[in-house]
Amino acid sequence: MKKLDCGSVDCTQVVSQLWDYLDGELTEERMRDIQTHLTACAGCFPHFDFERAFLKALAATRKEDRMPGVLRARIMEKLREAGCEGLTSP
């Protein structure tokens, strides 16, 4: 990948941190640096756009309730009985 001068981070760094960026797992400063780079870099923006669309499509396929409430309650009760702390019911 060709490195372009698009701010304080280079293309390789931006592309390698896109998932963390999209998940909001970077420092505020790093998030700003990557945003600045993406705004200016025609080479990195398509990578960002694809990964963002991928995550959006993935999220759309998830179901809200993965198990019946009764089953969840039974599992949570068993975990509490086993000594797991800090568990709350939804």
C-alpha atoms as a PDB file:
ATOM      1  CA  MET A   1       0.000   0.000   0.000  1.00  0.00           C
ATOM      2  CA  LYS A   2       1.368   3.374  -0.962  1.00  0.00           C
ATOM      3  CA  LYS A   3       2.000   5.673   1.990  1.00  0.00           C
ATOM      4  CA  LEU A   4       0.472   9.108   1.635  1.00  0.00           C
ATOM      5  CA  ASP A   5       0.985  12.208   3.752  1.00  0.00           C
ATOM      6  CA  CYS A   6      -2.463  12.516   5.308  1.00  0.00           C
ATOM      7  CA  GLY A   7      -1.782  13.612   8.854  1.00  0.00           C
ATOM      8  CA  SER A   8       0.196  12.232  11.771  1.00  0.00           C
ATOM      9  CA  VAL A   9      -0.527   8.565  10.993  1.00  0.00           C
ATOM     10  CA  ASP A  10       0.344   6.727   7.806  1.00  0.00           C
ATOM     11  CA  CYS A  11      -1.856   4.484   5.697  1.00  0.00           C
ATOM     12  CA  THR A  12      -0.450   1.247   7.109  1.00  0.00           C
ATOM     13  CA  GLN A  13      -1.214   2.361  10.664  1.00  0.00           C
ATOM     14  CA  VAL A  14      -4.707   3.506   9.754  1.00  0.00           C
ATOM     15  CA  VAL A  15      -5.691   0.325   7.935  1.00  0.00           C
ATOM     16  CA  SER A  16      -4.295  -1.854  10.733  1.00  0.00           C
ATOM     17  CA  GLN A  17      -6.393   0.031  13.314  1.00  0.00           C
ATOM     18  CA  LEU A  18      -9.664   0.365  11.412  1.00  0.00           C
ATOM     19  CA  TRP A  19     -11.516  -2.313  13.417  1.00  0.00           C
ATOM     20  CA  ASP A  20     -10.455  -0.669  16.688  1.00  0.00           C
ATOM     21  CA  TYR A  21     -11.439   2.717  15.263  1.00  0.00           C
ATOM     22  CA  LEU A  22     -14.869   1.483  14.205  1.00  0.00           C
ATOM     23  CA  ASP A  23     -15.383  -0.111  17.621  1.00  0.00           C
ATOM     24  CA  GLY A  24     -14.365   3.130  19.351  1.00  0.00           C
ATOM     25  CA  GLU A  25     -11.569   1.356  21.222  1.00  0.00           C
ATOM     26  CA  LEU A  26      -8.812   3.903  20.609  1.00  0.00           C
ATOM     27  CA  THR A  27      -7.857   6.962  22.608  1.00  0.00           C
ATOM     28  CA  GLU A  28      -9.650  10.183  21.719  1.00  0.00           C
ATOM     29  CA  GLU A  29      -6.440  11.530  20.220  1.00  0.00           C
ATOM     30  CA  ARG A  30      -5.922   8.436  18.067  1.00  0.00           C
ATOM     31  CA  MET A  31      -9.569   8.496  16.962  1.00  0.00           C
ATOM     32  CA  ARG A  32      -9.107  12.121  15.829  1.00  0.00           C
ATOM     33  CA  ASP A  33      -5.844  11.298  14.036  1.00  0.00           C
ATOM     34  CA  ILE A  34      -7.443   8.457  12.116  1.00  0.00           C
ATOM     35  CA  GLN A  35     -10.543  10.517  11.311  1.00  0.00           C
ATOM     36  CA  THR A  36      -8.305  13.280   9.945  1.00  0.00           C
ATOM     37  CA  HIS A  37      -6.402  10.757   7.854  1.00  0.00           C
ATOM     38  CA  LEU A  38      -9.567   9.135   6.488  1.00  0.00           C
ATOM     39  CA  THR A  39     -10.974  12.518   5.516  1.00  0.00           C
ATOM     40  CA  ALA A  40      -7.863  13.317   3.474  1.00  0.00           C
ATOM     41  CA  CYS A  41      -6.839   9.903   2.115  1.00  0.00           C
ATOM     42  CA  ALA A  42      -8.561   8.516  -0.961  1.00  0.00           C
ATOM     43  CA  GLY A  43      -6.537   5.297  -0.577  1.00  0.00           C
ATOM     44  CA  CYS A  44      -7.699   4.433   2.952  1.00  0.00           C
ATOM     45  CA  PHE A  45     -11.293   5.596   2.803  1.00  0.00           C
ATOM     46  CA  PRO A  46     -12.487   2.609   0.700  1.00  0.00           C
ATOM     47  CA  HIS A  47     -11.053   0.233   3.329  1.00  0.00           C
ATOM     48  CA  PHE A  48     -12.878   2.141   6.046  1.00  0.00           C
ATOM     49  CA  ASP A  49     -16.107   2.252   4.036  1.00  0.00           C
ATOM     50  CA  PHE A  50     -16.003  -1.512   3.389  1.00  0.00           C
ATOM     51  CA  GLU A  51     -15.298  -2.408   7.023  1.00  0.00           C
ATOM     52  CA  ARG A  52     -18.024  -0.048   8.255  1.00  0.00           C
ATOM     53  CA  ALA A  53     -20.537  -1.588   5.814  1.00  0.00           C
ATOM     54  CA  PHE A  54     -19.450  -5.086   6.852  1.00  0.00           C
ATOM     55  CA  LEU A  55     -20.047  -4.338  10.545  1.00  0.00           C
ATOM     56  CA  LYS A  56     -23.414  -2.771   9.747  1.00  0.00           C
ATOM     57  CA  ALA A  57     -24.479  -5.849   7.754  1.00  0.00           C
ATOM     58  CA  LEU A  58     -23.245  -8.152  10.503  1.00  0.00           C
ATOM     59  CA  ALA A  59     -25.180  -6.219  13.148  1.00  0.00           C
ATOM     60  CA  ALA A  60     -28.331  -6.436  11.032  1.00  0.00           C
ATOM     61  CA  THR A  61     -28.192 -10.238  11.092  1.00  0.00           C
ATOM     62  CA  ARG A  62     -28.076 -10.516  14.895  1.00  0.00           C
ATOM     63  CA  LYS A  63     -31.169 -11.441  16.802  1.00  0.00           C
ATOM     64  CA  GLU A  64     -32.078  -9.466  19.909  1.00  0.00           C
ATOM     65  CA  ASP A  65     -33.026 -12.472  22.020  1.00  0.00           C
ATOM     66  CA  ARG A  66     -30.694 -15.369  21.550  1.00  0.00           C
ATOM     67  CA  MET A  67     -32.396 -17.559  24.129  1.00  0.00           C
ATOM     68  CA  PRO A  68     -35.761 -17.651  25.867  1.00  0.00           C
ATOM     69  CA  GLY A  69     -35.934 -15.584  29.061  1.00  0.00           C
ATOM     70  CA  VAL A  70     -36.733 -18.649  31.157  1.00  0.00           C
ATOM     71  CA  LEU A  71     -33.581 -20.412  29.986  1.00  0.00           C
ATOM     72  CA  ARG A  72     -31.485 -17.298  30.607  1.00  0.00           C
ATOM     73  CA  ALA A  73     -32.896 -16.997  34.142  1.00  0.00           C
ATOM     74  CA  ARG A  74     -32.087 -20.650  34.903  1.00  0.00           C
ATOM     75  CA  ILE A  75     -28.527 -20.264  33.625  1.00  0.00           C
ATOM     76  CA  MET A  76     -27.991 -17.066  35.603  1.00  0.00           C
ATOM     77  CA  GLU A  77     -29.342 -18.750  38.764  1.00  0.00           C
ATOM     78  CA  LYS A  78     -26.960 -21.700  38.327  1.00  0.00           C
ATOM     79  CA  LEU A  79     -24.018 -19.354  37.792  1.00  0.00           C
ATOM     80  CA  ARG A  80     -24.872 -17.443  40.978  1.00  0.00           C
ATOM     81  CA  GLU A  81     -25.165 -20.730  42.883  1.00  0.00           C
ATOM     82  CA  ALA A  82     -21.738 -21.679  41.569  1.00  0.00           C
ATOM     83  CA  GLY A  83     -20.303 -18.511  43.105  1.00  0.00           C
ATOM     84  CA  CYS A  84     -20.138 -16.182  40.128  1.00  0.00           C
ATOM     85  CA  GLU A  85     -20.478 -12.644  41.466  1.00  0.00           C
ATOM     86  CA  GLY A  86     -21.775  -9.486  39.876  1.00  0.00           C
ATOM     87  CA  LEU A  87     -24.371 -11.200  37.689  1.00  0.00           C
ATOM     88  CA  THR A  88     -27.648  -9.403  37.133  1.00  0.00           C
ATOM     89  CA  SER A  89     -30.749 -10.382  35.273  1.00  0.00           C
ATOM     90  CA  PRO A  90     -31.749  -8.302  32.258  1.00  0.00           C
END
